[in-house]
Amino acid sequence: MAVRVRICAVLGKLGYAFLAAGNAHSAIPIVDSGQRIDPLISDVGLPGMNGRQLTEIGRQMRPQLKVLFITGYAERAAVRGGFLDPGMQLISKPFTFDLLPPKVREMVGD
């Protein structure tokens, strides 16, 4: 939760509009809505449904959905294992929050 709150604070300071969900299950109706999502930001290791499973569901609804994963897992293992498809990027924990703005800007195309 602390990471989600901090990400929301950083995005808000940058002037981005965002929607926050407490878990993957509550994110599905947001992804299924008409709201613009650019990108979806999700931790990989979520309880219940993980971030990759959420992404699979999200991409069924929005095939071009961009996704920024935040993970404590080894970045090389995720990338090497075919975890990242086109339009997906990853930030490894621990990370400093100054890495987030340029990554989001890159994905949004600002």
N, C-alpha and C. Protein backbone atom coordinates (compact mmCIF):
# COMPACT_ATOMS: atom_id res chain seq x y z
N MET A 1 0.82 -1.19 0.00
CA MET A 1 0.00 0.00 0.00
C MET A 1 0.86 1.26 0.00
N ALA A 2 1.95 1.25 0.75
CA ALA A 2 2.79 2.45 0.84
C ALA A 2 3.35 2.83 -0.52
N VAL A 3 3.72 1.84 -1.33
CA VAL A 3 4.25 2.13 -2.66
C VAL A 3 3.15 2.74 -3.53
N ARG A 4 1.93 2.17 -3.48
CA ARG A 4 0.83 2.70 -4.27
C ARG A 4 0.54 4.16 -3.89
N VAL A 5 0.50 4.45 -2.61
CA VAL A 5 0.24 5.82 -2.14
C VAL A 5 1.33 6.76 -2.64
N ARG A 6 2.56 6.33 -2.58
CA ARG A 6 3.68 7.17 -3.02
C ARG A 6 3.65 7.40 -4.54
N ILE A 7 3.32 6.35 -5.29
CA ILE A 7 3.21 6.49 -6.75
C ILE A 7 2.11 7.49 -7.09
N CYS A 8 0.97 7.39 -6.41
CA CYS A 8 -0.13 8.34 -6.63
C CYS A 8 0.31 9.77 -6.33
N ALA A 9 1.06 9.94 -5.25
CA ALA A 9 1.54 11.28 -4.89
C ALA A 9 2.48 11.82 -5.97
N VAL A 10 3.39 11.00 -6.46
CA VAL A 10 4.32 11.43 -7.50
C VAL A 10 3.57 11.79 -8.78
N LEU A 11 2.65 10.93 -9.20
CA LEU A 11 1.89 11.20 -10.42
C LEU A 11 1.03 12.45 -10.28
N GLY A 12 0.44 12.65 -9.11
CA GLY A 12 -0.36 13.84 -8.85
C GLY A 12 0.46 15.11 -8.94
N LYS A 13 1.66 15.10 -8.37
CA LYS A 13 2.54 16.27 -8.44
C LYS A 13 2.92 16.61 -9.88
N LEU A 14 2.99 15.59 -10.72
CA LEU A 14 3.34 15.80 -12.12
C LEU A 14 2.14 16.23 -12.97
N GLY A 15 0.97 16.25 -12.36
CA GLY A 15 -0.23 16.68 -13.06
C GLY A 15 -0.95 15.57 -13.81
N TYR A 16 -0.56 14.33 -13.59
CA TYR A 16 -1.24 13.22 -14.24
C TYR A 16 -2.53 12.90 -13.50
N ALA A 17 -3.56 12.57 -14.26
CA ALA A 17 -4.79 12.03 -13.68
C ALA A 17 -4.56 10.54 -13.52
N PHE A 18 -5.07 9.96 -12.47
CA PHE A 18 -4.87 8.54 -12.25
C PHE A 18 -6.03 7.97 -11.46
N LEU A 19 -6.19 6.68 -11.57
CA LEU A 19 -7.16 5.93 -10.79
C LEU A 19 -6.38 4.88 -10.02
N ALA A 20 -6.72 4.67 -8.78
CA ALA A 20 -5.99 3.70 -7.96
C ALA A 20 -6.94 2.60 -7.52
N ALA A 21 -6.43 1.38 -7.51
CA ALA A 21 -7.18 0.23 -7.05
C ALA A 21 -6.37 -0.47 -5.97
N GLY A 22 -7.05 -0.99 -4.98
CA GLY A 22 -6.38 -1.65 -3.87
C GLY A 22 -5.85 -3.03 -4.18
N ASN A 23 -6.38 -3.64 -5.24
CA ASN A 23 -5.92 -4.98 -5.63
C ASN A 23 -6.30 -5.22 -7.08
N ALA A 24 -5.84 -6.34 -7.62
CA ALA A 24 -6.08 -6.63 -9.04
C ALA A 24 -7.57 -6.80 -9.34
N HIS A 25 -8.29 -7.44 -8.43
CA HIS A 25 -9.72 -7.66 -8.67
C HIS A 25 -10.49 -6.35 -8.76
N SER A 26 -10.14 -5.38 -7.95
CA SER A 26 -10.83 -4.09 -8.02
C SER A 26 -10.33 -3.24 -9.18
N ALA A 27 -9.21 -3.61 -9.77
CA ALA A 27 -8.71 -2.89 -10.95
C ALA A 27 -9.43 -3.29 -12.23
N ILE A 28 -9.96 -4.50 -12.27
CA ILE A 28 -10.60 -4.99 -13.50
C ILE A 28 -11.74 -4.09 -13.97
N PRO A 29 -12.67 -3.67 -13.09
CA PRO A 29 -13.73 -2.78 -13.58
C PRO A 29 -13.19 -1.44 -14.11
N ILE A 30 -12.08 -0.98 -13.56
CA ILE A 30 -11.48 0.27 -14.05
C ILE A 30 -10.93 0.04 -15.45
N VAL A 31 -10.23 -1.08 -15.64
CA VAL A 31 -9.68 -1.38 -16.95
C VAL A 31 -10.81 -1.58 -17.96
N ASP A 32 -11.91 -2.15 -17.52
CA ASP A 32 -13.05 -2.42 -18.39
C ASP A 32 -13.89 -1.17 -18.68
N SER A 33 -13.64 -0.09 -17.96
CA SER A 33 -14.40 1.15 -18.15
C SER A 33 -13.89 1.90 -19.37
N GLY A 34 -14.50 3.01 -19.66
CA GLY A 34 -14.06 3.84 -20.77
C GLY A 34 -12.95 4.80 -20.41
N GLN A 35 -12.45 4.73 -19.18
CA GLN A 35 -11.39 5.62 -18.73
C GLN A 35 -10.11 5.40 -19.53
N ARG A 36 -9.41 6.48 -19.79
CA ARG A 36 -8.10 6.35 -20.43
C ARG A 36 -7.11 5.78 -19.42
N ILE A 37 -6.37 4.78 -19.84
CA ILE A 37 -5.35 4.17 -18.98
C ILE A 37 -4.07 4.14 -19.79
N ASP A 38 -3.11 4.91 -19.34
CA ASP A 38 -1.91 5.13 -20.14
C ASP A 38 -0.72 5.42 -19.25
N PRO A 39 -0.06 4.54 -18.67
CA PRO A 39 -0.12 3.09 -18.67
C PRO A 39 -0.81 2.56 -17.42
N LEU A 40 -1.03 1.26 -17.39
CA LEU A 40 -1.43 0.55 -16.18
C LEU A 40 -0.14 0.34 -15.40
N ILE A 41 -0.14 0.69 -14.13
CA ILE A 41 1.04 0.45 -13.28
C ILE A 41 0.64 -0.58 -12.24
N SER A 42 1.39 -1.66 -12.18
CA SER A 42 1.04 -2.75 -11.27
C SER A 42 2.28 -3.42 -10.71
N ASP A 43 2.17 -3.82 -9.47
CA ASP A 43 3.20 -4.67 -8.89
C ASP A 43 3.01 -6.05 -9.50
N VAL A 44 4.08 -6.79 -9.64
CA VAL A 44 3.97 -8.15 -10.15
C VAL A 44 3.38 -9.05 -9.08
N GLY A 45 3.88 -8.94 -7.87
CA GLY A 45 3.48 -9.84 -6.79
C GLY A 45 2.30 -9.34 -6.00
N LEU A 46 1.12 -9.43 -6.57
CA LEU A 46 -0.09 -9.04 -5.88
C LEU A 46 -0.73 -10.27 -5.24
N PRO A 47 -1.41 -10.11 -4.10
CA PRO A 47 -2.09 -11.26 -3.51
C PRO A 47 -3.31 -11.65 -4.34
N GLY A 48 -3.59 -12.93 -4.41
CA GLY A 48 -4.74 -13.39 -5.19
C GLY A 48 -4.37 -13.48 -6.66
N MET A 49 -4.67 -12.44 -7.39
CA MET A 49 -4.33 -12.38 -8.81
C MET A 49 -3.08 -11.52 -8.95
N ASN A 50 -2.05 -12.02 -9.62
CA ASN A 50 -0.82 -11.23 -9.72
C ASN A 50 -0.91 -10.22 -10.86
N GLY A 51 0.05 -9.35 -10.94
CA GLY A 51 0.05 -8.27 -11.93
C GLY A 51 0.08 -8.76 -13.36
N ARG A 52 0.74 -9.86 -13.62
CA ARG A 52 0.78 -10.40 -14.98
C ARG A 52 -0.60 -10.95 -15.36
N GLN A 53 -1.28 -11.59 -14.43
CA GLN A 53 -2.63 -12.08 -14.70
C GLN A 53 -3.59 -10.90 -14.95
N LEU A 54 -3.45 -9.84 -14.18
CA LEU A 54 -4.24 -8.64 -14.40
C LEU A 54 -3.98 -8.08 -15.79
N THR A 55 -2.73 -8.07 -16.19
CA THR A 55 -2.37 -7.57 -17.51
C THR A 55 -3.00 -8.41 -18.62
N GLU A 56 -2.99 -9.72 -18.46
CA GLU A 56 -3.60 -10.60 -19.47
C GLU A 56 -5.08 -10.28 -19.62
N ILE A 57 -5.78 -10.11 -18.52
CA ILE A 57 -7.20 -9.76 -18.57
C ILE A 57 -7.36 -8.38 -19.19
N GLY A 58 -6.53 -7.44 -18.76
CA GLY A 58 -6.60 -6.07 -19.29
C GLY A 58 -6.36 -6.01 -20.78
N ARG A 59 -5.44 -6.82 -21.26
CA ARG A 59 -5.14 -6.81 -22.71
C ARG A 59 -6.20 -7.53 -23.53
N GLN A 60 -7.02 -8.34 -22.90
CA GLN A 60 -8.17 -8.89 -23.61
C GLN A 60 -9.19 -7.78 -23.87
N MET A 61 -9.30 -6.85 -22.93
CA MET A 61 -10.22 -5.73 -23.06
C MET A 61 -9.63 -4.60 -23.90
N ARG A 62 -8.32 -4.39 -23.73
CA ARG A 62 -7.58 -3.31 -24.39
C ARG A 62 -6.28 -3.88 -24.94
N PRO A 63 -6.28 -4.39 -26.15
CA PRO A 63 -5.09 -5.06 -26.68
C PRO A 63 -3.83 -4.20 -26.69
N GLN A 64 -3.95 -2.90 -26.78
CA GLN A 64 -2.78 -2.02 -26.84
C GLN A 64 -2.39 -1.46 -25.47
N LEU A 65 -2.96 -2.00 -24.39
CA LEU A 65 -2.69 -1.51 -23.05
C LEU A 65 -1.20 -1.54 -22.74
N LYS A 66 -0.66 -0.40 -22.34
CA LYS A 66 0.74 -0.32 -21.91
C LYS A 66 0.77 -0.61 -20.42
N VAL A 67 1.82 -1.30 -19.99
CA VAL A 67 1.90 -1.73 -18.60
C VAL A 67 3.30 -1.46 -18.06
N LEU A 68 3.34 -0.85 -16.89
CA LEU A 68 4.59 -0.66 -16.16
C LEU A 68 4.52 -1.52 -14.91
N PHE A 69 5.34 -2.55 -14.87
CA PHE A 69 5.41 -3.41 -13.71
C PHE A 69 6.42 -2.87 -12.72
N ILE A 70 6.09 -3.00 -11.47
CA ILE A 70 7.03 -2.70 -10.38
C ILE A 70 7.20 -4.01 -9.63
N THR A 71 8.43 -4.43 -9.46
CA THR A 71 8.64 -5.75 -8.87
C THR A 71 9.88 -5.81 -8.00
N GLY A 72 9.81 -6.67 -7.02
CA GLY A 72 10.96 -6.97 -6.20
C GLY A 72 11.71 -8.17 -6.73
N TYR A 73 11.15 -8.81 -7.77
CA TYR A 73 11.81 -9.95 -8.40
C TYR A 73 12.97 -9.44 -9.24
N ALA A 74 13.86 -10.31 -9.53
CA ALA A 74 15.03 -9.93 -10.32
C ALA A 74 14.59 -9.49 -11.72
N GLU A 75 15.01 -8.30 -12.11
CA GLU A 75 14.63 -7.74 -13.41
C GLU A 75 15.12 -8.62 -14.55
N ARG A 76 16.33 -9.07 -14.48
CA ARG A 76 16.88 -9.90 -15.57
C ARG A 76 16.08 -11.18 -15.74
N ALA A 77 15.68 -11.78 -14.63
CA ALA A 77 14.90 -13.02 -14.71
C ALA A 77 13.56 -12.77 -15.38
N ALA A 78 12.92 -11.66 -15.06
CA ALA A 78 11.63 -11.33 -15.66
C ALA A 78 11.77 -11.07 -17.15
N VAL A 79 12.77 -10.31 -17.53
CA VAL A 79 12.96 -9.97 -18.93
C VAL A 79 13.39 -11.21 -19.71
N ARG A 80 14.34 -11.95 -19.17
CA ARG A 80 14.87 -13.13 -19.84
C ARG A 80 13.80 -14.21 -19.98
N GLY A 81 12.91 -14.31 -19.02
CA GLY A 81 11.90 -15.36 -19.04
C GLY A 81 10.73 -15.06 -19.96
N GLY A 82 10.82 -14.04 -20.80
CA GLY A 82 9.72 -13.72 -21.70
C GLY A 82 8.54 -13.09 -20.98
N PHE A 83 8.79 -12.55 -19.81
CA PHE A 83 7.72 -11.96 -19.00
C PHE A 83 7.18 -10.69 -19.63
N LEU A 84 8.07 -9.92 -20.28
CA LEU A 84 7.67 -8.63 -20.84
C LEU A 84 7.36 -8.75 -22.33
N ASP A 85 6.14 -8.44 -22.66
CA ASP A 85 5.71 -8.38 -24.06
C ASP A 85 5.88 -6.94 -24.54
N PRO A 86 5.71 -6.70 -25.83
CA PRO A 86 5.76 -5.32 -26.32
C PRO A 86 4.76 -4.44 -25.57
N GLY A 87 5.20 -3.22 -25.27
CA GLY A 87 4.35 -2.29 -24.53
C GLY A 87 4.42 -2.45 -23.02
N MET A 88 5.30 -3.33 -22.57
CA MET A 88 5.48 -3.55 -21.13
C MET A 88 6.89 -3.14 -20.73
N GLN A 89 6.98 -2.50 -19.58
CA GLN A 89 8.28 -2.14 -19.02
C GLN A 89 8.28 -2.49 -17.54
N LEU A 90 9.46 -2.40 -16.93
CA LEU A 90 9.61 -2.86 -15.56
C LEU A 90 10.54 -1.94 -14.79
N ILE A 91 10.19 -1.68 -13.57
CA ILE A 91 11.08 -1.01 -12.61
C ILE A 91 11.25 -1.98 -11.45
N SER A 92 12.49 -2.24 -11.06
CA SER A 92 12.77 -3.17 -9.97
C SER A 92 12.83 -2.45 -8.64
N LYS A 93 12.25 -3.09 -7.62
CA LYS A 93 12.35 -2.59 -6.25
C LYS A 93 13.64 -3.12 -5.65
N PRO A 94 14.23 -2.40 -4.78
CA PRO A 94 13.87 -1.04 -4.39
C PRO A 94 14.28 -0.05 -5.47
N PHE A 95 13.52 1.01 -5.60
CA PHE A 95 13.83 2.04 -6.58
C PHE A 95 13.57 3.39 -5.95
N THR A 96 14.22 4.39 -6.51
CA THR A 96 13.95 5.75 -6.04
C THR A 96 12.83 6.30 -6.92
N PHE A 97 11.98 7.10 -6.32
CA PHE A 97 10.80 7.58 -7.03
C PHE A 97 11.12 8.58 -8.13
N ASP A 98 12.38 9.02 -8.22
CA ASP A 98 12.73 9.88 -9.35
C ASP A 98 12.86 9.08 -10.65
N LEU A 99 12.86 7.75 -10.58
CA LEU A 99 12.86 6.91 -11.78
C LEU A 99 11.47 6.83 -12.42
N LEU A 100 10.44 7.05 -11.62
CA LEU A 100 9.07 6.89 -12.10
C LEU A 100 8.66 7.92 -13.16
N PRO A 101 8.87 9.22 -12.94
CA PRO A 101 8.41 10.19 -13.94
C PRO A 101 8.96 9.98 -15.35
N PRO A 102 10.27 9.78 -15.53
CA PRO A 102 10.73 9.58 -16.91
C PRO A 102 10.19 8.30 -17.54
N LYS A 103 10.01 7.28 -16.75
CA LYS A 103 9.47 6.01 -17.28
C LYS A 103 8.03 6.21 -17.72
N VAL A 104 7.23 6.90 -16.92
CA VAL A 104 5.83 7.16 -17.29
C VAL A 104 5.77 8.06 -18.50
N ARG A 105 6.59 9.11 -18.53
CA ARG A 105 6.61 10.01 -19.70
C ARG A 105 6.96 9.25 -20.98
N GLU A 106 7.95 8.38 -20.88
CA GLU A 106 8.35 7.56 -22.03
C GLU A 106 7.18 6.70 -22.52
N MET A 107 6.46 6.08 -21.60
CA MET A 107 5.38 5.19 -21.98
C MET A 107 4.17 5.94 -22.51
N VAL A 108 3.92 7.11 -21.95
CA VAL A 108 2.76 7.92 -22.38
C VAL A 108 3.08 8.65 -23.68
N GLY A 109 4.35 8.91 -23.90
CA GLY A 109 4.74 9.62 -25.10
C GLY A 109 4.80 11.13 -24.91
N ASP A 110 4.91 11.58 -23.66
CA ASP A 110 5.03 13.03 -23.36
C ASP A 110 6.41 13.54 -23.74
